[in-house]
Amino acid sequence: MTGHVTGFGGVFFRARDPKALDAWYRTHLGVPMVDFWPQAKGNAVLAAFDHDTVYWPADKQWMMNFRVTDLDGLIEKLTQAGIAVERRADWDIPDIGRFARIVDPEGTQIELWEPQGSGAAE
């Protein structure tokens, strides 16, 4: 098939302090903003939610979701850094994986997803 999309090329958004936000993502999540980021092979989801969803705060247009390994270890690392982590068993989906959430310094909700079969708890 010619002329079709093959995947995400990037996510772009506004920030009050882009440099500080870049440092936060690099330090706490290992996500290199601005630079190219080679990723592990895996699925990504592009999904529109109802305009009145309660899945993330109403004052935000979007939420990021990152695939992670060793969710428990990452939660421990984030907690030690003073970052609040929300974890609820009802978010977990047996065939899909485990989830937790944090909020970046600009108030953007971030969902952390440990795909089924990829974590240290397996």
PDB file of N, CA and C in Angstrom:
ATOM      1  N   MET A   1       0.847  -1.180   0.000  1.00  0.00           N
ATOM      2  CA  MET A   1       0.000   0.000   0.000  1.00  0.00           C
ATOM      3  C   MET A   1       0.893   1.244   0.000  1.00  0.00           C
ATOM      4  N   THR A   2       0.640   2.162  -0.893  1.00  0.00           N
ATOM      5  CA  THR A   2       1.441   3.383  -0.934  1.00  0.00           C
ATOM      6  C   THR A   2       0.704   4.524  -0.250  1.00  0.00           C
ATOM      7  N   GLY A   3       1.480   5.485   0.210  1.00  0.00           N
ATOM      8  CA  GLY A   3       0.910   6.687   0.805  1.00  0.00           C
ATOM      9  C   GLY A   3       0.073   6.449   2.037  1.00  0.00           C
ATOM     10  N   HIS A   4       0.601   5.699   3.009  1.00  0.00           N
ATOM     11  CA  HIS A   4      -0.157   5.478   4.234  1.00  0.00           C
ATOM     12  C   HIS A   4       0.714   5.767   5.457  1.00  0.00           C
ATOM     13  N   VAL A   5       0.085   5.990   6.587  1.00  0.00           N
ATOM     14  CA  VAL A   5       0.780   6.270   7.838  1.00  0.00           C
ATOM     15  C   VAL A   5       1.332   4.960   8.395  1.00  0.00           C
ATOM     16  N   THR A   6       2.560   4.998   8.897  1.00  0.00           N
ATOM     17  CA  THR A   6       3.188   3.795   9.443  1.00  0.00           C
ATOM     18  C   THR A   6       3.333   3.823  10.959  1.00  0.00           C
ATOM     19  N   GLY A   7       3.057   4.945  11.599  1.00  0.00           N
ATOM     20  CA  GLY A   7       3.150   5.025  13.057  1.00  0.00           C
ATOM     21  C   GLY A   7       3.291   6.453  13.524  1.00  0.00           C
ATOM     22  N   PHE A   8       3.419   6.625  14.821  1.00  0.00           N
ATOM     23  CA  PHE A   8       3.592   7.960  15.387  1.00  0.00           C
ATOM     24  C   PHE A   8       4.981   8.484  15.066  1.00  0.00           C
ATOM     25  N   GLY A   9       5.062   9.727  14.673  1.00  0.00           N
ATOM     26  CA  GLY A   9       6.341  10.363  14.434  1.00  0.00           C
ATOM     27  C   GLY A   9       6.734  11.262  15.589  1.00  0.00           C
ATOM     28  N   GLY A  10       5.790  11.625  16.432  1.00  0.00           N
ATOM     29  CA  GLY A  10       6.079  12.476  17.572  1.00  0.00           C
ATOM     30  C   GLY A  10       4.808  12.982  18.210  1.00  0.00           C
ATOM     31  N   VAL A  11       4.963  13.540  19.378  1.00  0.00           N
ATOM     32  CA  VAL A  11       3.875  14.199  20.100  1.00  0.00           C
ATOM     33  C   VAL A  11       4.380  15.588  20.434  1.00  0.00           C
ATOM     34  N   PHE A  12       3.613  16.578  20.098  1.00  0.00           N
ATOM     35  CA  PHE A  12       4.037  17.969  20.293  1.00  0.00           C
ATOM     36  C   PHE A  12       2.998  18.700  21.133  1.00  0.00           C
ATOM     37  N   PHE A  13       3.453  19.470  22.100  1.00  0.00           N
ATOM     38  CA  PHE A  13       2.525  20.194  22.968  1.00  0.00           C
ATOM     39  C   PHE A  13       3.194  21.435  23.531  1.00  0.00           C
ATOM     40  N   ARG A  14       2.383  22.343  24.018  1.00  0.00           N
ATOM     41  CA  ARG A  14       2.888  23.592  24.599  1.00  0.00           C
ATOM     42  C   ARG A  14       3.272  23.383  26.058  1.00  0.00           C
ATOM     43  N   ALA A  15       4.259  24.132  26.535  1.00  0.00           N
ATOM     44  CA  ALA A  15       4.654  24.085  27.937  1.00  0.00           C
ATOM     45  C   ALA A  15       5.065  25.482  28.377  1.00  0.00           C
ATOM     46  N   ARG A  16       4.808  25.796  29.633  1.00  0.00           N
ATOM     47  CA  ARG A  16       5.222  27.104  30.164  1.00  0.00           C
ATOM     48  C   ARG A  16       6.741  27.195  30.258  1.00  0.00           C
ATOM     49  N   ASP A  17       7.404  26.070  30.591  1.00  0.00           N
ATOM     50  CA  ASP A  17       8.858  26.040  30.723  1.00  0.00           C
ATOM     51  C   ASP A  17       9.382  24.772  30.052  1.00  0.00           C
ATOM     52  N   PRO A  18       9.532  24.790  28.717  1.00  0.00           N
ATOM     53  CA  PRO A  18       9.941  23.584  27.989  1.00  0.00           C
ATOM     54  C   PRO A  18      11.252  22.968  28.482  1.00  0.00           C
ATOM     55  N   LYS A  19      12.243  23.771  28.817  1.00  0.00           N
ATOM     56  CA  LYS A  19      13.527  23.226  29.255  1.00  0.00           C
ATOM     57  C   LYS A  19      13.402  22.492  30.584  1.00  0.00           C
ATOM     58  N   ALA A  20      12.666  23.071  31.530  1.00  0.00           N
ATOM     59  CA  ALA A  20      12.474  22.415  32.833  1.00  0.00           C
ATOM     60  C   ALA A  20      11.656  21.135  32.667  1.00  0.00           C
ATOM     61  N   LEU A  21      10.656  21.171  31.801  1.00  0.00           N
ATOM     62  CA  LEU A  21       9.836  19.987  31.576  1.00  0.00           C
ATOM     63  C   LEU A  21      10.658  18.882  30.922  1.00  0.00           C
ATOM     64  N   ASP A  22      11.514  19.249  29.973  1.00  0.00           N
ATOM     65  CA  ASP A  22      12.416  18.290  29.343  1.00  0.00           C
ATOM     66  C   ASP A  22      13.289  17.614  30.398  1.00  0.00           C
ATOM     67  N   ALA A  23      13.851  18.392  31.295  1.00  0.00           N
ATOM     68  CA  ALA A  23      14.716  17.843  32.347  1.00  0.00           C
ATOM     69  C   ALA A  23      13.934  16.892  33.250  1.00  0.00           C
ATOM     70  N   TRP A  24      12.698  17.228  33.582  1.00  0.00           N
ATOM     71  CA  TRP A  24      11.864  16.383  34.439  1.00  0.00           C
ATOM     72  C   TRP A  24      11.598  15.030  33.763  1.00  0.00           C
ATOM     73  N   TYR A  25      11.206  15.053  32.493  1.00  0.00           N
ATOM     74  CA  TYR A  25      10.927  13.808  31.764  1.00  0.00           C
ATOM     75  C   TYR A  25      12.186  12.949  31.631  1.00  0.00           C
ATOM     76  N   ARG A  26      13.324  13.564  31.349  1.00  0.00           N
ATOM     77  CA  ARG A  26      14.577  12.809  31.235  1.00  0.00           C
ATOM     78  C   ARG A  26      14.961  12.192  32.582  1.00  0.00           C
ATOM     79  N   THR A  27      14.889  12.972  33.649  1.00  0.00           N
ATOM     80  CA  THR A  27      15.313  12.525  34.973  1.00  0.00           C
ATOM     81  C   THR A  27      14.430  11.419  35.524  1.00  0.00           C
ATOM     82  N   HIS A  28      13.123  11.600  35.465  1.00  0.00           N
ATOM     83  CA  HIS A  28      12.220  10.695  36.160  1.00  0.00           C
ATOM     84  C   HIS A  28      11.664   9.564  35.303  1.00  0.00           C
ATOM     85  N   LEU A  29      11.599   9.746  33.999  1.00  0.00           N
ATOM     86  CA  LEU A  29      11.027   8.721  33.131  1.00  0.00           C
ATOM     87  C   LEU A  29      11.992   8.215  32.061  1.00  0.00           C
ATOM     88  N   GLY A  30      13.138   8.879  31.912  1.00  0.00           N
ATOM     89  CA  GLY A  30      14.086   8.471  30.890  1.00  0.00           C
ATOM     90  C   GLY A  30      13.612   8.784  29.483  1.00  0.00           C
ATOM     91  N   VAL A  31      12.726   9.744  29.356  1.00  0.00           N
ATOM     92  CA  VAL A  31      12.164  10.118  28.053  1.00  0.00           C
ATOM     93  C   VAL A  31      12.921  11.327  27.525  1.00  0.00           C
ATOM     94  N   PRO A  32      13.633  11.161  26.418  1.00  0.00           N
ATOM     95  CA  PRO A  32      14.382  12.294  25.859  1.00  0.00           C
ATOM     96  C   PRO A  32      13.500  13.170  24.978  1.00  0.00           C
ATOM     97  N   MET A  33      13.022  14.265  25.520  1.00  0.00           N
ATOM     98  CA  MET A  33      12.236  15.178  24.706  1.00  0.00           C
ATOM     99  C   MET A  33      13.147  15.877  23.726  1.00  0.00           C
ATOM    100  N   VAL A  34      12.628  16.278  22.616  1.00  0.00           N
ATOM    101  CA  VAL A  34      13.285  16.997  21.538  1.00  0.00           C
ATOM    102  C   VAL A  34      14.201  16.084  20.715  1.00  0.00           C
ATOM    103  N   ASP A  35      15.008  15.228  21.358  1.00  0.00           N
ATOM    104  CA  ASP A  35      15.867  14.303  20.624  1.00  0.00           C
ATOM    105  C   ASP A  35      15.026  13.172  20.033  1.00  0.00           C
ATOM    106  N   PHE A  36      15.611  12.465  19.065  1.00  0.00           N
ATOM    107  CA  PHE A  36      14.949  11.263  18.567  1.00  0.00           C
ATOM    108  C   PHE A  36      15.019  10.203  19.648  1.00  0.00           C
ATOM    109  N   TRP A  37      13.998   9.407  19.742  1.00  0.00           N
ATOM    110  CA  TRP A  37      13.856   8.428  20.805  1.00  0.00           C
ATOM    111  C   TRP A  37      13.593   7.057  20.210  1.00  0.00           C
ATOM    112  N   PRO A  38      14.620   6.220  20.082  1.00  0.00           N
ATOM    113  CA  PRO A  38      14.386   4.875  19.564  1.00  0.00           C
ATOM    114  C   PRO A  38      13.552   4.096  20.575  1.00  0.00           C
ATOM    115  N   GLN A  39      12.502   3.445  20.105  1.00  0.00           N
ATOM    116  CA  GLN A  39      11.581   2.773  21.002  1.00  0.00           C
ATOM    117  C   GLN A  39      11.588   1.272  20.796  1.00  0.00           C
ATOM    118  N   ALA A  40      11.228   0.568  21.854  1.00  0.00           N
ATOM    119  CA  ALA A  40      11.036  -0.874  21.754  1.00  0.00           C
ATOM    120  C   ALA A  40       9.810  -1.129  20.889  1.00  0.00           C
ATOM    121  N   LYS A  41       9.844  -2.215  20.176  1.00  0.00           N
ATOM    122  CA  LYS A  41       8.721  -2.564  19.335  1.00  0.00           C
ATOM    123  C   LYS A  41       7.496  -2.834  20.203  1.00  0.00           C
ATOM    124  N   GLY A  42       6.367  -2.395  19.763  1.00  0.00           N
ATOM    125  CA  GLY A  42       5.130  -2.623  20.496  1.00  0.00           C
ATOM    126  C   GLY A  42       4.007  -1.806  19.906  1.00  0.00           C
ATOM    127  N   ASN A  43       2.820  -2.082  20.368  1.00  0.00           N
ATOM    128  CA  ASN A  43       1.649  -1.380  19.869  1.00  0.00           C
ATOM    129  C   ASN A  43       1.498  -0.010  20.500  1.00  0.00           C
ATOM    130  N   ALA A  44       0.853   0.874  19.797  1.00  0.00           N
ATOM    131  CA  ALA A  44       0.469   2.187  20.306  1.00  0.00           C
ATOM    132  C   ALA A  44      -1.018   2.347  20.018  1.00  0.00           C
ATOM    133  N   VAL A  45      -1.666   3.191  20.791  1.00  0.00           N
ATOM    134  CA  VAL A  45      -3.099   3.414  20.621  1.00  0.00           C
ATOM    135  C   VAL A  45      -3.341   4.880  20.328  1.00  0.00           C
ATOM    136  N   LEU A  46      -4.135   5.143  19.327  1.00  0.00           N
ATOM    137  CA  LEU A  46      -4.643   6.484  19.044  1.00  0.00           C
ATOM    138  C   LEU A  46      -6.138   6.377  19.247  1.00  0.00           C
ATOM    139  N   ALA A  47      -6.669   7.039  20.271  1.00  0.00           N
ATOM    140  CA  ALA A  47      -8.080   6.881  20.598  1.00  0.00           C
ATOM    141  C   ALA A  47      -8.692   8.215  20.985  1.00  0.00           C
ATOM    142  N   ALA A  48      -9.855   8.492  20.445  1.00  0.00           N
ATOM    143  CA  ALA A  48     -10.629   9.662  20.844  1.00  0.00           C
ATOM    144  C   ALA A  48     -11.597   9.226  21.944  1.00  0.00           C
ATOM    145  N   PHE A  49     -11.679  10.002  22.989  1.00  0.00           N
ATOM    146  CA  PHE A  49     -12.602   9.740  24.092  1.00  0.00           C
ATOM    147  C   PHE A  49     -13.749  10.746  24.008  1.00  0.00           C
ATOM    148  N   ASP A  50     -14.869  10.427  24.632  1.00  0.00           N
ATOM    149  CA  ASP A  50     -15.980  11.377  24.695  1.00  0.00           C
ATOM    150  C   ASP A  50     -15.500  12.681  25.313  1.00  0.00           C
ATOM    151  N   HIS A  51     -16.062  13.792  24.867  1.00  0.00           N
ATOM    152  CA  HIS A  51     -15.630  15.113  25.337  1.00  0.00           C
ATOM    153  C   HIS A  51     -15.786  15.282  26.846  1.00  0.00           C
ATOM    154  N   ASP A  52     -16.657  14.507  27.474  1.00  0.00           N
ATOM    155  CA  ASP A  52     -16.876  14.635  28.911  1.00  0.00           C
ATOM    156  C   ASP A  52     -16.291  13.457  29.703  1.00  0.00           C
ATOM    157  N   THR A  53     -15.271  12.792  29.146  1.00  0.00           N
ATOM    158  CA  THR A  53     -14.655  11.666  29.832  1.00  0.00           C
ATOM    159  C   THR A  53     -14.130  12.080  31.205  1.00  0.00           C
ATOM    160  N   VAL A  54     -14.143  11.158  32.124  1.00  0.00           N
ATOM    161  CA  VAL A  54     -13.555  11.399  33.440  1.00  0.00           C
ATOM    162  C   VAL A  54     -12.253  10.596  33.581  1.00  0.00           C
ATOM    163  N   TYR A  55     -11.763  10.067  32.458  1.00  0.00           N
ATOM    164  CA  TYR A  55     -10.546   9.259  32.464  1.00  0.00           C
ATOM    165  C   TYR A  55      -9.312  10.088  32.812  1.00  0.00           C
ATOM    166  N   TRP A  56      -9.340  11.383  32.539  1.00  0.00           N
ATOM    167  CA  TRP A  56      -8.293  12.323  32.965  1.00  0.00           C
ATOM    168  C   TRP A  56      -8.961  13.671  33.216  1.00  0.00           C
ATOM    169  N   PRO A  57      -8.247  14.628  33.838  1.00  0.00           N
ATOM    170  CA  PRO A  57      -8.861  15.898  34.235  1.00  0.00           C
ATOM    171  C   PRO A  57      -9.502  16.661  33.077  1.00  0.00           C
ATOM    172  N   ALA A  58     -10.648  17.250  33.356  1.00  0.00           N
ATOM    173  CA  ALA A  58     -11.442  17.952  32.344  1.00  0.00           C
ATOM    174  C   ALA A  58     -10.730  19.175  31.766  1.00  0.00           C
ATOM    175  N   ASP A  59      -9.782  19.760  32.504  1.00  0.00           N
ATOM    176  CA  ASP A  59      -9.107  20.962  31.999  1.00  0.00           C
ATOM    177  C   ASP A  59      -7.957  20.638  31.043  1.00  0.00           C
ATOM    178  N   LYS A  60      -7.732  19.351  30.763  1.00  0.00           N
ATOM    179  CA  LYS A  60      -6.676  18.938  29.841  1.00  0.00           C
ATOM    180  C   LYS A  60      -7.299  18.271  28.622  1.00  0.00           C
ATOM    181  N   GLN A  61      -6.775  18.594  27.454  1.00  0.00           N
ATOM    182  CA  GLN A  61      -7.279  18.022  26.212  1.00  0.00           C
ATOM    183  C   GLN A  61      -6.779  16.610  25.960  1.00  0.00           C
ATOM    184  N   TRP A  62      -5.666  16.236  26.575  1.00  0.00           N
ATOM    185  CA  TRP A  62      -5.077  14.952  26.267  1.00  0.00           C
ATOM    186  C   TRP A  62      -4.327  14.387  27.466  1.00  0.00           C
ATOM    187  N   MET A  63      -3.974  13.110  27.370  1.00  0.00           N
ATOM    188  CA  MET A  63      -3.200  12.411  28.377  1.00  0.00           C
ATOM    189  C   MET A  63      -2.188  11.539  27.638  1.00  0.00           C
ATOM    190  N   MET A  64      -0.986  11.440  28.167  1.00  0.00           N
ATOM    191  CA  MET A  64       0.021  10.563  27.565  1.00  0.00           C
ATOM    192  C   MET A  64       0.003   9.207  28.263  1.00  0.00           C
ATOM    193  N   ASN A  65       0.382   8.180  27.527  1.00  0.00           N
ATOM    194  CA  ASN A  65       0.517   6.837  28.055  1.00  0.00           C
ATOM    195  C   ASN A  65       1.876   6.324  27.593  1.00  0.00           C
ATOM    196  N   PHE A  66       2.692   5.882  28.540  1.00  0.00           N
ATOM    197  CA  PHE A  66       4.006   5.326  28.215  1.00  0.00           C
ATOM    198  C   PHE A  66       4.052   3.854  28.583  1.00  0.00           C
ATOM    199  N   ARG A  67       4.570   3.016  27.665  1.00  0.00           N
ATOM    200  CA  ARG A  67       4.861   1.616  27.984  1.00  0.00           C
ATOM    201  C   ARG A  67       6.073   1.601  28.906  1.00  0.00           C
ATOM    202  N   VAL A  68       6.032   0.778  29.951  1.00  0.00           N
ATOM    203  CA  VAL A  68       7.143   0.689  30.896  1.00  0.00           C
ATOM    204  C   VAL A  68       7.437  -0.781  31.209  1.00  0.00           C
ATOM    205  N   THR A  69       8.622  -1.019  31.732  1.00  0.00           N
ATOM    206  CA  THR A  69       8.952  -2.322  32.300  1.00  0.00           C
ATOM    207  C   THR A  69       9.080  -2.118  33.804  1.00  0.00           C
ATOM    208  N   ASP A  70       8.864  -3.167  34.572  1.00  0.00           N
ATOM    209  CA  ASP A  70       8.994  -3.125  36.031  1.00  0.00           C
ATOM    210  C   ASP A  70       8.245  -1.933  36.628  1.00  0.00           C
ATOM    211  N   LEU A  71       6.936  -1.946  36.478  1.00  0.00           N
ATOM    212  CA  LEU A  71       6.107  -0.858  36.999  1.00  0.00           C
ATOM    213  C   LEU A  71       6.343  -0.637  38.485  1.00  0.00           C
ATOM    214  N   ASP A  72       6.469  -1.712  39.255  1.00  0.00           N
ATOM    215  CA  ASP A  72       6.684  -1.560  40.695  1.00  0.00           C
ATOM    216  C   ASP A  72       8.004  -0.844  40.989  1.00  0.00           C
ATOM    217  N   GLY A  73       9.064  -1.198  40.257  1.00  0.00           N
ATOM    218  CA  GLY A  73      10.347  -0.532  40.441  1.00  0.00           C
ATOM    219  C   GLY A  73      10.291   0.932  40.063  1.00  0.00           C
ATOM    220  N   LEU A  74       9.586   1.248  38.976  1.00  0.00           N
ATOM    221  CA  LEU A  74       9.445   2.644  38.558  1.00  0.00           C
ATOM    222  C   LEU A  74       8.633   3.428  39.584  1.00  0.00           C
ATOM    223  N   ILE A  75       7.571   2.819  40.108  1.00  0.00           N
ATOM    224  CA  ILE A  75       6.765   3.485  41.141  1.00  0.00           C
ATOM    225  C   ILE A  75       7.632   3.808  42.353  1.00  0.00           C
ATOM    226  N   GLU A  76       8.464   2.867  42.749  1.00  0.00           N
ATOM    227  CA  GLU A  76       9.353   3.096  43.890  1.00  0.00           C
ATOM    228  C   GLU A  76      10.307   4.266  43.615  1.00  0.00           C
ATOM    229  N   LYS A  77      10.899   4.279  42.425  1.00  0.00           N
ATOM    230  CA  LYS A  77      11.825   5.351  42.042  1.00  0.00           C
ATOM    231  C   LYS A  77      11.123   6.712  42.038  1.00  0.00           C
ATOM    232  N   LEU A  78       9.938   6.764  41.467  1.00  0.00           N
ATOM    233  CA  LEU A  78       9.186   8.026  41.405  1.00  0.00           C
ATOM    234  C   LEU A  78       8.782   8.497  42.796  1.00  0.00           C
ATOM    235  N   THR A  79       8.337   7.573  43.630  1.00  0.00           N
ATOM    236  CA  THR A  79       7.932   7.913  44.997  1.00  0.00           C
ATOM    237  C   THR A  79       9.111   8.465  45.783  1.00  0.00           C
ATOM    238  N   GLN A  80      10.284   7.837  45.626  1.00  0.00           N
ATOM    239  CA  GLN A  80      11.484   8.321  46.310  1.00  0.00           C
ATOM    240  C   GLN A  80      11.867   9.726  45.850  1.00  0.00           C
ATOM    241  N   ALA A  81      11.500  10.083  44.616  1.00  0.00           N
ATOM    242  CA  ALA A  81      11.791  11.418  44.088  1.00  0.00           C
ATOM    243  C   ALA A  81      10.707  12.424  44.485  1.00  0.00           C
ATOM    244  N   GLY A  82       9.733  11.980  45.274  1.00  0.00           N
ATOM    245  CA  GLY A  82       8.682  12.889  45.732  1.00  0.00           C
ATOM    246  C   GLY A  82       7.542  13.067  44.742  1.00  0.00           C
ATOM    247  N   ILE A  83       7.440  12.178  43.763  1.00  0.00           N
ATOM    248  CA  ILE A  83       6.376  12.264  42.757  1.00  0.00           C
ATOM    249  C   ILE A  83       5.233  11.354  43.189  1.00  0.00           C
ATOM    250  N   ALA A  84       4.052  11.924  43.316  1.00  0.00           N
ATOM    251  CA  ALA A  84       2.874  11.148  43.719  1.00  0.00           C
ATOM    252  C   ALA A  84       2.488  10.185  42.606  1.00  0.00           C
ATOM    253  N   VAL A  85       2.255   8.949  42.972  1.00  0.00           N
ATOM    254  CA  VAL A  85       1.855   7.914  42.024  1.00  0.00           C
ATOM    255  C   VAL A  85       0.502   7.379  42.462  1.00  0.00           C
ATOM    256  N   GLU A  86      -0.431   7.328  41.529  1.00  0.00           N
ATOM    257  CA  GLU A  86      -1.738   6.742  41.811  1.00  0.00           C
ATOM    258  C   GLU A  86      -1.795   5.375  41.151  1.00  0.00           C
ATOM    259  N   ARG A  87      -2.200   4.400  41.921  1.00  0.00           N
ATOM    260  CA  ARG A  87      -2.271   3.016  41.435  1.00  0.00           C
ATOM    261  C   ARG A  87      -3.587   2.435  41.916  1.00  0.00           C
ATOM    262  N   ARG A  88      -4.404   1.929  40.997  1.00  0.00           N
ATOM    263  CA  ARG A  88      -5.686   1.333  41.364  1.00  0.00           C
ATOM    264  C   ARG A  88      -5.834   0.005  40.637  1.00  0.00           C
ATOM    265  N   ALA A  89      -6.139  -1.031  41.386  1.00  0.00           N
ATOM    266  CA  ALA A  89      -6.260  -2.375  40.804  1.00  0.00           C
ATOM    267  C   ALA A  89      -7.336  -2.430  39.723  1.00  0.00           C
ATOM    268  N   ASP A  90      -8.380  -1.603  39.837  1.00  0.00           N
ATOM    269  CA  ASP A  90      -9.450  -1.653  38.830  1.00  0.00           C
ATOM    270  C   ASP A  90      -9.017  -1.071  37.483  1.00  0.00           C
ATOM    271  N   TRP A  91      -7.853  -0.428  37.418  1.00  0.00           N
ATOM    272  CA  TRP A  91      -7.322   0.033  36.131  1.00  0.00           C
ATOM    273  C   TRP A  91      -6.673  -1.111  35.359  1.00  0.00           C
ATOM    274  N   ASP A  92      -6.228  -2.149  36.066  1.00  0.00           N
ATOM    275  CA  ASP A  92      -5.518  -3.248  35.427  1.00  0.00           C
ATOM    276  C   ASP A  92      -6.468  -4.108  34.602  1.00  0.00           C
ATOM    277  N   ILE A  93      -5.975  -4.565  33.457  1.00  0.00           N
ATOM    278  CA  ILE A  93      -6.755  -5.406  32.555  1.00  0.00           C
ATOM    279  C   ILE A  93      -5.921  -6.662  32.308  1.00  0.00           C
ATOM    280  N   PRO A  94      -6.396  -7.836  32.753  1.00  0.00           N
ATOM    281  CA  PRO A  94      -5.577  -9.050  32.718  1.00  0.00           C
ATOM    282  C   PRO A  94      -4.855  -9.331  31.403  1.00  0.00           C
ATOM    283  N   ASP A  95      -5.503  -9.195  30.270  1.00  0.00           N
ATOM    284  CA  ASP A  95      -4.850  -9.507  28.996  1.00  0.00           C
ATOM    285  C   ASP A  95      -4.052  -8.339  28.417  1.00  0.00           C
ATOM    286  N   ILE A  96      -4.140  -7.178  29.054  1.00  0.00           N
ATOM    287  CA  ILE A  96      -3.477  -5.983  28.520  1.00  0.00           C
ATOM    288  C   ILE A  96      -2.323  -5.539  29.403  1.00  0.00           C
ATOM    289  N   GLY A  97      -2.527  -5.465  30.709  1.00  0.00           N
ATOM    290  CA  GLY A  97      -1.439  -5.085  31.592  1.00  0.00           C
ATOM    291  C   GLY A  97      -1.869  -4.317  32.820  1.00  0.00           C
ATOM    292  N   ARG A  98      -0.863  -3.737  33.475  1.00  0.00           N
ATOM    293  CA  ARG A  98      -1.050  -2.984  34.719  1.00  0.00           C
ATOM    294  C   ARG A  98      -0.792  -1.508  34.463  1.00  0.00           C
ATOM    295  N   PHE A  99      -1.472  -0.654  35.253  1.00  0.00           N
ATOM    296  CA  PHE A  99      -1.408   0.782  35.023  1.00  0.00           C
ATOM    297  C   PHE A  99      -1.191   1.553  36.323  1.00  0.00           C
ATOM    298  N   ALA A 100      -0.549   2.699  36.194  1.00  0.00           N
ATOM    299  CA  ALA A 100      -0.402   3.667  37.281  1.00  0.00           C
ATOM    300  C   ALA A 100      -0.428   5.043  36.628  1.00  0.00           C
ATOM    301  N   ARG A 101      -0.591   6.070  37.444  1.00  0.00           N
ATOM    302  CA  ARG A 101      -0.609   7.429  36.890  1.00  0.00           C
ATOM    303  C   ARG A 101       0.205   8.383  37.740  1.00  0.00           C
ATOM    304  N   ILE A 102       0.805   9.334  37.047  1.00  0.00           N
ATOM    305  CA  ILE A 102       1.516  10.440  37.680  1.00  0.00           C
ATOM    306  C   ILE A 102       1.096  11.715  36.951  1.00  0.00           C
ATOM    307  N   VAL A 103       1.519  12.855  37.476  1.00  0.00           N
ATOM    308  CA  VAL A 103       1.235  14.144  36.846  1.00  0.00           C
ATOM    309  C   VAL A 103       2.561  14.876  36.693  1.00  0.00           C
ATOM    310  N   ASP A 104       2.812  15.417  35.490  1.00  0.00           N
ATOM    311  CA  ASP A 104       4.070  16.148  35.289  1.00  0.00           C
ATOM    312  C   ASP A 104       3.981  17.539  35.919  1.00  0.00           C
ATOM    313  N   PRO A 105       5.086  18.286  35.982  1.00  0.00           N
ATOM    314  CA  PRO A 105       5.083  19.593  36.633  1.00  0.00           C
ATOM    315  C   PRO A 105       4.121  20.611  36.023  1.00  0.00           C
ATOM    316  N   GLU A 106       3.646  20.378  34.803  1.00  0.00           N
ATOM    317  CA  GLU A 106       2.707  21.307  34.172  1.00  0.00           C
ATOM    318  C   GLU A 106       1.269  20.815  34.267  1.00  0.00           C
ATOM    319  N   GLY A 107       1.049  19.731  35.014  1.00  0.00           N
ATOM    320  CA  GLY A 107      -0.299  19.248  35.254  1.00  0.00           C
ATOM    321  C   GLY A 107      -0.838  18.247  34.249  1.00  0.00           C
ATOM    322  N   THR A 108       0.009  17.747  33.360  1.00  0.00           N
ATOM    323  CA  THR A 108      -0.431  16.761  32.383  1.00  0.00           C
ATOM    324  C   THR A 108      -0.411  15.375  33.017  1.00  0.00           C
ATOM    325  N   GLN A 109      -1.519  14.681  32.931  1.00  0.00           N
ATOM    326  CA  GLN A 109      -1.610  13.330  33.464  1.00  0.00           C
ATOM    327  C   GLN A 109      -0.852  12.375  32.551  1.00  0.00           C
ATOM    328  N   ILE A 110      -0.080  11.481  33.167  1.00  0.00           N
ATOM    329  CA  ILE A 110       0.700  10.486  32.441  1.00  0.00           C
ATOM    330  C   ILE A 110       0.301   9.113  32.965  1.00  0.00           C
ATOM    331  N   GLU A 111      -0.112   8.266  32.045  1.00  0.00           N
ATOM    332  CA  GLU A 111      -0.442   6.898  32.406  1.00  0.00           C
ATOM    333  C   GLU A 111       0.776   6.027  32.105  1.00  0.00           C
ATOM    334  N   LEU A 112       1.157   5.223  33.074  1.00  0.00           N
ATOM    335  CA  LEU A 112       2.276   4.299  32.920  1.00  0.00           C
ATOM    336  C   LEU A 112       1.681   2.913  32.740  1.00  0.00           C
ATOM    337  N   TRP A 113       2.054   2.245  31.649  1.00  0.00           N
ATOM    338  CA  TRP A 113       1.468   0.958  31.302  1.00  0.00           C
ATOM    339  C   TRP A 113       2.526  -0.121  31.183  1.00  0.00           C
ATOM    340  N   GLU A 114       2.419  -1.118  32.027  1.00  0.00           N
ATOM    341  CA  GLU A 114       3.286  -2.282  31.951  1.00  0.00           C
ATOM    342  C   GLU A 114       2.499  -3.360  31.202  1.00  0.00           C
ATOM    343  N   PRO A 115       2.790  -3.563  29.906  1.00  0.00           N
ATOM    344  CA  PRO A 115       2.049  -4.567  29.158  1.00  0.00           C
ATOM    345  C   PRO A 115       2.137  -5.948  29.786  1.00  0.00           C
ATOM    346  N   GLN A 116       1.084  -6.713  29.654  1.00  0.00           N
ATOM    347  CA  GLN A 116       1.045  -8.077  30.172  1.00  0.00           C
ATOM    348  C   GLN A 116       2.255  -8.849  29.670  1.00  0.00           C
ATOM    349  N   GLY A 117       2.941  -9.527  30.583  1.00  0.00           N
ATOM    350  CA  GLY A 117       4.082 -10.347  30.195  1.00  0.00           C
ATOM    351  C   GLY A 117       5.403  -9.619  30.092  1.00  0.00           C
ATOM    352  N   SER A 118       5.437  -8.316  30.404  1.00  0.00           N
ATOM    353  CA  SER A 118       6.683  -7.572  30.225  1.00  0.00           C
ATOM    354  C   SER A 118       7.318  -7.112  31.522  1.00  0.00           C
ATOM    355  N   GLY A 119       6.658  -7.334  32.654  1.00  0.00           N
ATOM    356  CA  GLY A 119       7.139  -6.743  33.889  1.00  0.00           C
ATOM    357  C   GLY A 119       7.967  -7.662  34.759  1.00  0.00           C
ATOM    358  N   ALA A 120       8.563  -7.061  35.765  1.00  0.00           N
ATOM    359  CA  ALA A 120       9.403  -7.800  36.709  1.00  0.00           C
ATOM    360  C   ALA A 120       8.551  -8.720  37.578  1.00  0.00           C
ATOM    361  N   ALA A 121       7.267  -8.406  37.733  1.00  0.00           N
ATOM    362  CA  ALA A 121       6.385  -9.199  38.573  1.00  0.00           C
ATOM    363  C   ALA A 121       5.972 -10.503  37.903  1.00  0.00           C
ATOM    364  N   GLU A 122       6.254 -10.648  36.621  1.00  0.00           N
ATOM    365  CA  GLU A 122       5.835 -11.837  35.870  1.00  0.00           C
ATOM    366  C   GLU A 122       6.663 -13.044  36.263  1.00  0.00           C
TER     367      GLU A 122
END
